[in-house]
Amino acid sequence: MADIAIIADLVEPEAKALGFDLVRVRFFGGGGDDEDGATLQVMAERPATGQLTIDDCSALSRRLSDLFDTLEADGRDPFDAAYRLEVSSPGIDRPLTRAKDFADWAGHEAKVTLANGAPPMDGGAPRKNLNGVIGSVDGDIISLADRKAGPLNFPFSDVVEAKLLLTDRLIAATRPLDTAGVDDIETYQAED
């Protein structure tokens, strides 16, 4: 499969040109008996809203498709196999891929997997899987009130994967981009 760091370096300026911040670039699928092939997932957001509209996703998808087609035509195709391009907004239970994400969502619950594990509880082994409320972010250090271990601090560089957990508080804090027509009631009369 293609080098994801190289792909991310190609994608990020295209997202920035449209006014978006890149959240994540990853490949999934395409292994072994996967008949659907690999998917290149590009997640981006508008800095002011943390979301993208369908039109935003379409614009970024077209821009990336044009870039990748041009690179292929020039003999500089960064992909070594067929893939499907998926462009999306991070969603309500978004991945936390930057220290900034932890700061932006402080006070919300998250599931975090660490490479080296958090400090051990009661002399046990270090805990790699955490669930709790995000606290503060100080430089590279994230604080999290883990449900089992209590307050913990760990470097962002140890985060393997993290995402927000869907809670009522998160739903209340996440506003839709466009609520036009939400309160409009349309009635239809069936024809006899």
Foldseek 3Di string as FASTA:
>chain_A
DFDQVVVCVVLQVLQVVVQKGWQDWDKDDQDDPRPVHIATETEIARVVAQFDDPVSQVSSVVSVVVVQVVCVVVVNRRDPDDYHYHYGRQDLFGKHRDLVSLAVQAQFKKWWAFQQAWDDDPPDHGHGIFIFGWHHDDPQKTWGQGPPRGITIDGVVRTPIMTTDDDPVSVVVRDDPDCPPVPDDDDDDDDD
